[in-house]
Amino acid sequence: MAPQRNVGDWDPSGRSVPRSVVERIERYGNNGIDLDFWQIAVTADDVRGGHLVSHEANSADSNFKRFREECLWECRDPHEAVEVEALRPGTLRDRLETTIEHQVCDVRQWDILARAEEHDRSMRPTAQNSPGTRRVTRQRPGVDSSAAVAVAPRSSSS
């Protein structure tokens, strides 16, 4: 079986998810399923780069001991944790696209389906222009929504 890709936090709980999945499948009968997880985000290299916002790892977490061992193996500070949200969306999107594209066996069929999907999206009306769509606005109690309110800019002398 191909390795499973994993996107997870670099912290005791986030790093324990793949291990927990494997242990539970084995415990409840894996029926010959052999799972291997590859962490595509957040990786030791991401943390090693030092460009991501980090925070103190929860040393009281039941998974901290194993996390500490993994961090020391990766030459990382076991007290440093990084959330997936610290990655730029573009970075995460690129990694996911690359990972998915490497799983594609029939590139020609993939391209045909991608063009069809792009065409379908371009033909879809936007929600704002769709028939039967109505604009919903919030109104504050006691405020006349038909009255225009003009706000004068603050003067620089105040």
N, C-alpha and C. Protein backbone atom coordinates (compact mmCIF):
# COMPACT_ATOMS: atom_id res chain seq x y z
N MET A 1 0.85 -1.18 0.00
CA MET A 1 0.00 0.00 0.00
C MET A 1 0.89 1.24 0.00
N ALA A 2 0.44 2.25 -0.72
CA ALA A 2 1.19 3.52 -0.78
C ALA A 2 1.12 4.22 0.57
N PRO A 3 2.18 4.92 0.91
CA PRO A 3 2.17 5.65 2.18
C PRO A 3 1.03 6.67 2.22
N GLN A 4 0.45 6.81 3.39
CA GLN A 4 -0.60 7.80 3.60
C GLN A 4 0.06 9.14 3.90
N ARG A 5 -0.46 10.19 3.33
CA ARG A 5 0.11 11.52 3.58
C ARG A 5 -0.60 12.13 4.78
N ASN A 6 0.15 12.87 5.56
CA ASN A 6 -0.40 13.45 6.77
C ASN A 6 -0.03 14.92 6.88
N VAL A 7 -1.02 15.72 7.21
CA VAL A 7 -0.81 17.13 7.53
C VAL A 7 -1.18 17.25 8.99
N GLY A 8 -0.20 17.64 9.80
CA GLY A 8 -0.48 17.72 11.23
C GLY A 8 0.43 18.69 11.93
N ASP A 9 0.01 19.09 13.11
CA ASP A 9 0.79 20.01 13.93
C ASP A 9 2.08 19.34 14.38
N TRP A 10 3.11 20.16 14.59
CA TRP A 10 4.35 19.66 15.17
C TRP A 10 4.25 19.90 16.68
N ASP A 11 3.53 19.01 17.32
CA ASP A 11 3.37 19.06 18.76
C ASP A 11 3.05 17.64 19.23
N PRO A 12 3.03 17.40 20.54
CA PRO A 12 2.84 16.02 21.01
C PRO A 12 1.58 15.33 20.45
N SER A 13 0.46 16.01 20.44
CA SER A 13 -0.77 15.38 19.95
C SER A 13 -0.77 15.24 18.43
N GLY A 14 -0.32 16.27 17.73
CA GLY A 14 -0.30 16.23 16.27
C GLY A 14 0.58 15.12 15.73
N ARG A 15 1.72 14.93 16.35
CA ARG A 15 2.65 13.89 15.91
C ARG A 15 2.16 12.49 16.29
N SER A 16 1.24 12.40 17.23
CA SER A 16 0.77 11.08 17.67
C SER A 16 -0.38 10.54 16.81
N VAL A 17 -1.02 11.39 16.02
CA VAL A 17 -2.20 10.95 15.25
C VAL A 17 -1.89 9.77 14.33
N PRO A 18 -0.88 9.84 13.46
CA PRO A 18 -0.62 8.68 12.59
C PRO A 18 -0.34 7.40 13.38
N ARG A 19 0.44 7.52 14.42
CA ARG A 19 0.78 6.36 15.25
C ARG A 19 -0.50 5.79 15.88
N SER A 20 -1.37 6.65 16.35
CA SER A 20 -2.62 6.23 16.96
C SER A 20 -3.52 5.50 15.96
N VAL A 21 -3.58 6.01 14.73
CA VAL A 21 -4.39 5.37 13.69
C VAL A 21 -3.89 3.95 13.44
N VAL A 22 -2.58 3.82 13.27
CA VAL A 22 -1.98 2.50 13.01
C VAL A 22 -2.26 1.56 14.19
N GLU A 23 -2.05 2.03 15.42
CA GLU A 23 -2.28 1.18 16.60
C GLU A 23 -3.74 0.74 16.70
N ARG A 24 -4.66 1.62 16.42
CA ARG A 24 -6.09 1.26 16.51
C ARG A 24 -6.49 0.27 15.42
N ILE A 25 -5.98 0.46 14.21
CA ILE A 25 -6.30 -0.47 13.13
C ILE A 25 -5.76 -1.86 13.48
N GLU A 26 -4.54 -1.90 14.01
CA GLU A 26 -3.98 -3.20 14.41
C GLU A 26 -4.77 -3.82 15.56
N ARG A 27 -5.18 -3.00 16.51
CA ARG A 27 -5.92 -3.49 17.68
C ARG A 27 -7.28 -4.07 17.29
N TYR A 28 -7.97 -3.41 16.34
CA TYR A 28 -9.32 -3.83 15.99
C TYR A 28 -9.37 -4.74 14.77
N GLY A 29 -8.22 -5.20 14.31
CA GLY A 29 -8.17 -6.11 13.17
C GLY A 29 -7.90 -5.35 11.89
N ASN A 30 -6.68 -5.42 11.43
CA ASN A 30 -6.30 -4.61 10.27
C ASN A 30 -6.58 -5.29 8.93
N ASN A 31 -6.99 -6.54 8.96
CA ASN A 31 -7.31 -7.25 7.72
C ASN A 31 -6.22 -7.09 6.66
N GLY A 32 -4.98 -7.13 7.10
CA GLY A 32 -3.86 -7.06 6.15
C GLY A 32 -3.50 -5.67 5.69
N ILE A 33 -4.11 -4.66 6.28
CA ILE A 33 -3.79 -3.28 5.89
C ILE A 33 -2.44 -2.91 6.50
N ASP A 34 -1.54 -2.45 5.64
CA ASP A 34 -0.23 -2.01 6.11
C ASP A 34 -0.14 -0.51 5.88
N LEU A 35 -0.21 0.26 6.96
CA LEU A 35 -0.19 1.72 6.83
C LEU A 35 1.18 2.29 7.16
N ASP A 36 1.57 3.24 6.36
CA ASP A 36 2.80 3.99 6.60
C ASP A 36 2.46 5.45 6.31
N PHE A 37 2.75 6.34 7.25
CA PHE A 37 2.41 7.74 7.09
C PHE A 37 3.63 8.58 6.75
N TRP A 38 3.46 9.51 5.82
CA TRP A 38 4.49 10.50 5.49
C TRP A 38 3.94 11.85 5.90
N GLN A 39 4.66 12.54 6.74
CA GLN A 39 4.25 13.88 7.19
C GLN A 39 4.66 14.87 6.10
N ILE A 40 3.67 15.51 5.45
CA ILE A 40 4.00 16.50 4.43
C ILE A 40 3.95 17.92 4.99
N ALA A 41 3.34 18.07 6.16
CA ALA A 41 3.32 19.38 6.83
C ALA A 41 2.77 19.13 8.23
N VAL A 42 3.24 19.68 9.19
CA VAL A 42 4.44 20.42 9.45
C VAL A 42 5.57 19.41 9.66
N THR A 43 6.69 19.60 8.98
CA THR A 43 7.81 18.66 9.05
C THR A 43 8.93 19.21 9.92
N ALA A 44 9.89 18.34 10.22
CA ALA A 44 11.06 18.77 10.99
C ALA A 44 11.79 19.88 10.23
N ASP A 45 11.84 19.77 8.90
CA ASP A 45 12.49 20.83 8.11
C ASP A 45 11.77 22.16 8.24
N ASP A 46 10.44 22.12 8.30
CA ASP A 46 9.67 23.36 8.50
C ASP A 46 10.07 24.01 9.82
N VAL A 47 10.14 23.20 10.86
CA VAL A 47 10.48 23.72 12.18
C VAL A 47 11.93 24.17 12.21
N ARG A 48 12.79 23.38 11.59
CA ARG A 48 14.22 23.67 11.56
C ARG A 48 14.49 25.01 10.87
N GLY A 49 13.66 25.36 9.87
CA GLY A 49 13.85 26.60 9.14
C GLY A 49 13.73 27.84 10.00
N GLY A 50 12.96 27.74 11.09
CA GLY A 50 12.83 28.84 12.02
C GLY A 50 12.01 30.02 11.52
N HIS A 51 11.27 29.84 10.44
CA HIS A 51 10.49 30.94 9.87
C HIS A 51 9.02 30.90 10.28
N LEU A 52 8.65 29.89 11.05
CA LEU A 52 7.24 29.75 11.42
C LEU A 52 7.03 30.18 12.86
N VAL A 53 5.84 30.69 13.13
CA VAL A 53 5.48 31.07 14.50
C VAL A 53 5.37 29.78 15.31
N SER A 54 6.02 29.77 16.46
CA SER A 54 5.97 28.58 17.30
C SER A 54 5.49 28.97 18.70
N HIS A 55 5.25 27.96 19.50
CA HIS A 55 4.85 28.17 20.89
C HIS A 55 5.40 27.03 21.73
N GLU A 56 5.26 27.15 23.01
CA GLU A 56 5.75 26.13 23.94
C GLU A 56 4.91 24.86 23.81
N ALA A 57 5.57 23.71 23.64
CA ALA A 57 4.86 22.44 23.59
C ALA A 57 4.30 22.11 24.98
N ASN A 58 3.19 21.44 25.00
CA ASN A 58 2.54 21.06 26.25
C ASN A 58 3.24 19.83 26.83
N SER A 59 4.10 20.05 27.80
CA SER A 59 4.85 18.94 28.39
C SER A 59 3.96 18.04 29.26
N ALA A 60 2.76 18.49 29.59
CA ALA A 60 1.82 17.66 30.35
C ALA A 60 1.02 16.72 29.45
N ASP A 61 1.13 16.89 28.13
CA ASP A 61 0.42 16.04 27.17
C ASP A 61 0.90 14.60 27.34
N SER A 62 -0.03 13.66 27.30
CA SER A 62 0.34 12.24 27.48
C SER A 62 1.27 11.74 26.38
N ASN A 63 1.36 12.45 25.28
CA ASN A 63 2.23 12.06 24.16
C ASN A 63 3.59 12.75 24.20
N PHE A 64 3.83 13.57 25.21
CA PHE A 64 5.05 14.39 25.23
C PHE A 64 6.32 13.54 25.26
N LYS A 65 6.34 12.46 26.03
CA LYS A 65 7.56 11.65 26.14
C LYS A 65 8.01 11.15 24.77
N ARG A 66 7.08 10.60 24.01
CA ARG A 66 7.42 10.09 22.68
C ARG A 66 7.77 11.24 21.74
N PHE A 67 7.04 12.37 21.85
CA PHE A 67 7.33 13.56 21.04
C PHE A 67 8.76 14.04 21.33
N ARG A 68 9.13 14.05 22.60
CA ARG A 68 10.47 14.47 22.99
C ARG A 68 11.52 13.59 22.32
N GLU A 69 11.31 12.28 22.34
CA GLU A 69 12.24 11.35 21.71
C GLU A 69 12.35 11.62 20.21
N GLU A 70 11.21 11.83 19.54
CA GLU A 70 11.22 12.11 18.10
C GLU A 70 11.96 13.41 17.81
N CYS A 71 11.71 14.42 18.63
CA CYS A 71 12.37 15.72 18.42
C CYS A 71 13.88 15.59 18.58
N LEU A 72 14.32 14.89 19.60
CA LEU A 72 15.75 14.72 19.81
C LEU A 72 16.39 13.93 18.66
N TRP A 73 15.64 12.95 18.14
CA TRP A 73 16.11 12.19 16.98
C TRP A 73 16.27 13.11 15.77
N GLU A 74 15.36 14.08 15.63
CA GLU A 74 15.37 15.03 14.51
C GLU A 74 16.23 16.26 14.82
N CYS A 75 16.91 16.25 15.97
CA CYS A 75 17.73 17.39 16.42
C CYS A 75 16.89 18.66 16.56
N ARG A 76 15.71 18.50 17.12
CA ARG A 76 14.79 19.62 17.35
C ARG A 76 14.58 19.80 18.84
N ASP A 77 14.25 21.01 19.23
CA ASP A 77 13.92 21.32 20.61
C ASP A 77 12.55 20.74 20.93
N PRO A 78 12.44 19.81 21.87
CA PRO A 78 11.14 19.20 22.16
C PRO A 78 10.15 20.13 22.84
N HIS A 79 10.59 21.31 23.20
CA HIS A 79 9.67 22.26 23.83
C HIS A 79 9.08 23.23 22.82
N GLU A 80 9.46 23.10 21.56
CA GLU A 80 8.95 23.98 20.50
C GLU A 80 7.86 23.26 19.71
N ALA A 81 6.71 23.90 19.58
CA ALA A 81 5.58 23.34 18.83
C ALA A 81 5.18 24.33 17.74
N VAL A 82 4.70 23.79 16.62
CA VAL A 82 4.26 24.62 15.49
C VAL A 82 2.94 24.06 14.97
N GLU A 83 1.97 24.94 14.80
CA GLU A 83 0.67 24.55 14.27
C GLU A 83 0.69 24.59 12.74
N VAL A 84 -0.15 23.78 12.11
CA VAL A 84 -0.27 23.78 10.65
C VAL A 84 -0.61 25.19 10.16
N GLU A 85 -1.42 25.91 10.92
CA GLU A 85 -1.85 27.25 10.51
C GLU A 85 -0.68 28.22 10.36
N ALA A 86 0.49 27.88 10.89
CA ALA A 86 1.66 28.75 10.76
C ALA A 86 2.24 28.72 9.34
N LEU A 87 1.91 27.69 8.58
CA LEU A 87 2.38 27.61 7.19
C LEU A 87 1.59 28.57 6.32
N ARG A 88 2.26 29.17 5.35
CA ARG A 88 1.54 30.00 4.39
C ARG A 88 0.57 29.11 3.62
N PRO A 89 -0.64 29.59 3.35
CA PRO A 89 -1.60 28.77 2.61
C PRO A 89 -1.04 28.28 1.27
N GLY A 90 -0.28 29.12 0.60
CA GLY A 90 0.30 28.71 -0.69
C GLY A 90 1.27 27.55 -0.54
N THR A 91 2.03 27.55 0.54
CA THR A 91 2.97 26.46 0.79
C THR A 91 2.23 25.15 1.00
N LEU A 92 1.21 25.20 1.83
CA LEU A 92 0.42 23.99 2.09
C LEU A 92 -0.27 23.52 0.82
N ARG A 93 -0.87 24.44 0.07
CA ARG A 93 -1.54 24.08 -1.19
C ARG A 93 -0.56 23.42 -2.16
N ASP A 94 0.64 24.00 -2.30
CA ASP A 94 1.64 23.43 -3.21
C ASP A 94 2.03 22.01 -2.80
N ARG A 95 2.20 21.79 -1.51
CA ARG A 95 2.58 20.45 -1.05
C ARG A 95 1.46 19.45 -1.31
N LEU A 96 0.22 19.87 -1.06
CA LEU A 96 -0.90 18.97 -1.31
C LEU A 96 -1.04 18.65 -2.79
N GLU A 97 -0.92 19.68 -3.64
CA GLU A 97 -1.01 19.45 -5.08
C GLU A 97 0.09 18.51 -5.56
N THR A 98 1.31 18.74 -5.12
CA THR A 98 2.43 17.89 -5.52
C THR A 98 2.20 16.46 -5.08
N THR A 99 1.75 16.29 -3.84
CA THR A 99 1.50 14.95 -3.31
C THR A 99 0.41 14.25 -4.11
N ILE A 100 -0.66 14.96 -4.40
CA ILE A 100 -1.76 14.36 -5.18
C ILE A 100 -1.30 14.04 -6.59
N GLU A 101 -0.60 14.96 -7.21
CA GLU A 101 -0.15 14.74 -8.60
C GLU A 101 0.79 13.54 -8.71
N HIS A 102 1.57 13.27 -7.68
CA HIS A 102 2.46 12.11 -7.71
C HIS A 102 1.69 10.80 -7.61
N GLN A 103 0.42 10.86 -7.22
CA GLN A 103 -0.41 9.66 -7.13
C GLN A 103 -1.14 9.36 -8.43
N VAL A 104 -1.10 10.32 -9.36
CA VAL A 104 -1.84 10.17 -10.61
C VAL A 104 -1.10 9.24 -11.57
N CYS A 105 -1.78 8.20 -12.01
CA CYS A 105 -1.17 7.25 -12.95
C CYS A 105 -1.44 7.65 -14.40
N ASP A 106 -2.63 8.14 -14.68
CA ASP A 106 -3.01 8.49 -16.05
C ASP A 106 -3.08 10.01 -16.18
N VAL A 107 -1.95 10.61 -16.53
CA VAL A 107 -1.85 12.07 -16.59
C VAL A 107 -2.80 12.63 -17.66
N ARG A 108 -2.96 11.94 -18.77
CA ARG A 108 -3.86 12.41 -19.84
C ARG A 108 -5.29 12.52 -19.32
N GLN A 109 -5.77 11.49 -18.63
CA GLN A 109 -7.12 11.50 -18.08
C GLN A 109 -7.25 12.58 -17.01
N TRP A 110 -6.22 12.76 -16.19
CA TRP A 110 -6.21 13.81 -15.17
C TRP A 110 -6.40 15.17 -15.83
N ASP A 111 -5.66 15.43 -16.90
CA ASP A 111 -5.75 16.72 -17.59
C ASP A 111 -7.14 16.94 -18.19
N ILE A 112 -7.73 15.90 -18.74
CA ILE A 112 -9.08 16.01 -19.30
C ILE A 112 -10.07 16.37 -18.21
N LEU A 113 -10.00 15.69 -17.08
CA LEU A 113 -10.92 15.96 -15.98
C LEU A 113 -10.69 17.35 -15.39
N ALA A 114 -9.43 17.78 -15.31
CA ALA A 114 -9.13 19.10 -14.77
C ALA A 114 -9.71 20.19 -15.68
N ARG A 115 -9.60 20.01 -17.01
CA ARG A 115 -10.18 20.99 -17.94
C ARG A 115 -11.70 21.00 -17.85
N ALA A 116 -12.30 19.84 -17.70
CA ALA A 116 -13.76 19.76 -17.57
C ALA A 116 -14.21 20.46 -16.29
N GLU A 117 -13.49 20.25 -15.21
CA GLU A 117 -13.84 20.90 -13.95
C GLU A 117 -13.70 22.42 -14.07
N GLU A 118 -12.63 22.87 -14.70
CA GLU A 118 -12.43 24.31 -14.90
C GLU A 118 -13.57 24.90 -15.73
N HIS A 119 -13.99 24.19 -16.77
CA HIS A 119 -15.10 24.64 -17.61
C HIS A 119 -16.38 24.72 -16.80
N ASP A 120 -16.65 23.68 -15.98
CA ASP A 120 -17.85 23.67 -15.15
C ASP A 120 -17.88 24.86 -14.20
N ARG A 121 -16.73 25.17 -13.61
CA ARG A 121 -16.66 26.31 -12.69
C ARG A 121 -16.95 27.62 -13.42
N SER A 122 -16.44 27.76 -14.63
CA SER A 122 -16.65 29.01 -15.36
C SER A 122 -18.11 29.17 -15.79
N MET A 123 -18.84 28.07 -15.91
CA MET A 123 -20.23 28.13 -16.33
C MET A 123 -21.19 28.35 -15.16
N ARG A 124 -20.73 28.11 -13.96
CA ARG A 124 -21.58 28.28 -12.78
C ARG A 124 -21.82 29.76 -12.52
N PRO A 125 -23.06 30.14 -12.35
CA PRO A 125 -23.31 31.55 -11.99
C PRO A 125 -22.87 31.80 -10.57
N THR A 126 -22.44 33.00 -10.31
CA THR A 126 -22.07 33.31 -8.94
C THR A 126 -23.34 33.42 -8.12
N ALA A 127 -23.24 33.20 -6.84
CA ALA A 127 -24.40 33.25 -5.95
C ALA A 127 -25.06 34.62 -5.99
N GLN A 128 -24.27 35.65 -6.18
CA GLN A 128 -24.80 37.01 -6.18
C GLN A 128 -25.71 37.26 -7.39
N ASN A 129 -25.41 36.64 -8.52
CA ASN A 129 -26.17 36.88 -9.74
C ASN A 129 -27.21 35.81 -10.03
N SER A 130 -27.32 34.81 -9.19
CA SER A 130 -28.25 33.72 -9.43
C SER A 130 -29.69 34.18 -9.24
N PRO A 131 -30.60 33.68 -10.08
CA PRO A 131 -32.01 34.01 -9.89
C PRO A 131 -32.48 33.47 -8.55
N GLY A 132 -33.30 34.23 -7.88
CA GLY A 132 -33.84 33.79 -6.61
C GLY A 132 -32.94 34.09 -5.43
N THR A 133 -31.76 34.64 -5.70
CA THR A 133 -30.86 34.98 -4.60
C THR A 133 -31.24 36.33 -4.05
N ARG A 134 -31.29 36.46 -2.75
CA ARG A 134 -31.61 37.75 -2.17
C ARG A 134 -30.50 38.15 -1.22
N ARG A 135 -30.29 39.41 -1.12
CA ARG A 135 -29.26 39.94 -0.24
C ARG A 135 -29.82 40.02 1.17
N VAL A 136 -29.08 39.55 2.12
CA VAL A 136 -29.49 39.60 3.52
C VAL A 136 -28.60 40.61 4.22
N THR A 137 -29.23 41.55 4.89
CA THR A 137 -28.46 42.53 5.64
C THR A 137 -28.91 42.53 7.08
N ARG A 138 -28.00 42.85 7.96
CA ARG A 138 -28.35 42.97 9.37
C ARG A 138 -28.77 44.39 9.64
N GLN A 139 -29.77 44.53 10.47
CA GLN A 139 -30.21 45.86 10.86
C GLN A 139 -30.18 45.96 12.38
N ARG A 140 -29.74 47.10 12.84
CA ARG A 140 -29.75 47.33 14.28
C ARG A 140 -31.15 47.81 14.66
N PRO A 141 -31.64 47.36 15.79
CA PRO A 141 -32.97 47.80 16.24
C PRO A 141 -33.02 49.32 16.37
N GLY A 142 -34.10 49.91 15.89
CA GLY A 142 -34.30 51.35 16.02
C GLY A 142 -33.56 52.18 14.98
N VAL A 143 -32.89 51.54 13.99
CA VAL A 143 -32.16 52.29 12.97
C VAL A 143 -32.93 52.17 11.67
N ASP A 144 -33.21 53.31 11.06
CA ASP A 144 -33.93 53.33 9.78
C ASP A 144 -32.94 52.96 8.69
N SER A 145 -33.11 51.76 8.09
CA SER A 145 -32.15 51.29 7.09
C SER A 145 -32.26 52.05 5.78
N SER A 146 -33.34 52.83 5.58
CA SER A 146 -33.47 53.57 4.33
C SER A 146 -32.73 54.90 4.39
N ALA A 147 -32.35 55.31 5.57
CA ALA A 147 -31.66 56.60 5.70
C ALA A 147 -30.17 56.43 5.45
N ALA A 148 -29.64 57.32 4.65
CA ALA A 148 -28.19 57.29 4.39
C ALA A 148 -27.48 58.04 5.51
N VAL A 149 -26.38 57.51 5.93
CA VAL A 149 -25.63 58.14 6.99
C VAL A 149 -24.27 58.53 6.43
N ALA A 150 -23.92 59.78 6.57
CA ALA A 150 -22.62 60.23 6.11
C ALA A 150 -21.76 60.49 7.33
N VAL A 151 -20.52 60.03 7.28
CA VAL A 151 -19.61 60.22 8.38
C VAL A 151 -18.49 61.12 7.89
N ALA A 152 -18.35 62.24 8.58
CA ALA A 152 -17.30 63.18 8.18
C ALA A 152 -15.95 62.68 8.69
N PRO A 153 -14.90 62.84 7.88
CA PRO A 153 -13.58 62.41 8.35
C PRO A 153 -13.11 63.31 9.49
N ARG A 154 -12.31 62.73 10.37
CA ARG A 154 -11.76 63.50 11.48
C ARG A 154 -10.79 64.53 10.94
N SER A 155 -10.81 65.67 11.55
CA SER A 155 -9.85 66.68 11.13
C SER A 155 -8.52 66.37 11.79
N SER A 156 -7.45 66.74 11.13
CA SER A 156 -6.12 66.42 11.66
C SER A 156 -5.76 67.29 12.85
N SER A 157 -6.51 68.36 13.10
CA SER A 157 -6.19 69.26 14.21
C SER A 157 -6.71 68.75 15.54
N SER A 158 -7.61 67.73 15.56
CA SER A 158 -8.14 67.26 16.84
C SER A 158 -7.23 66.27 17.49
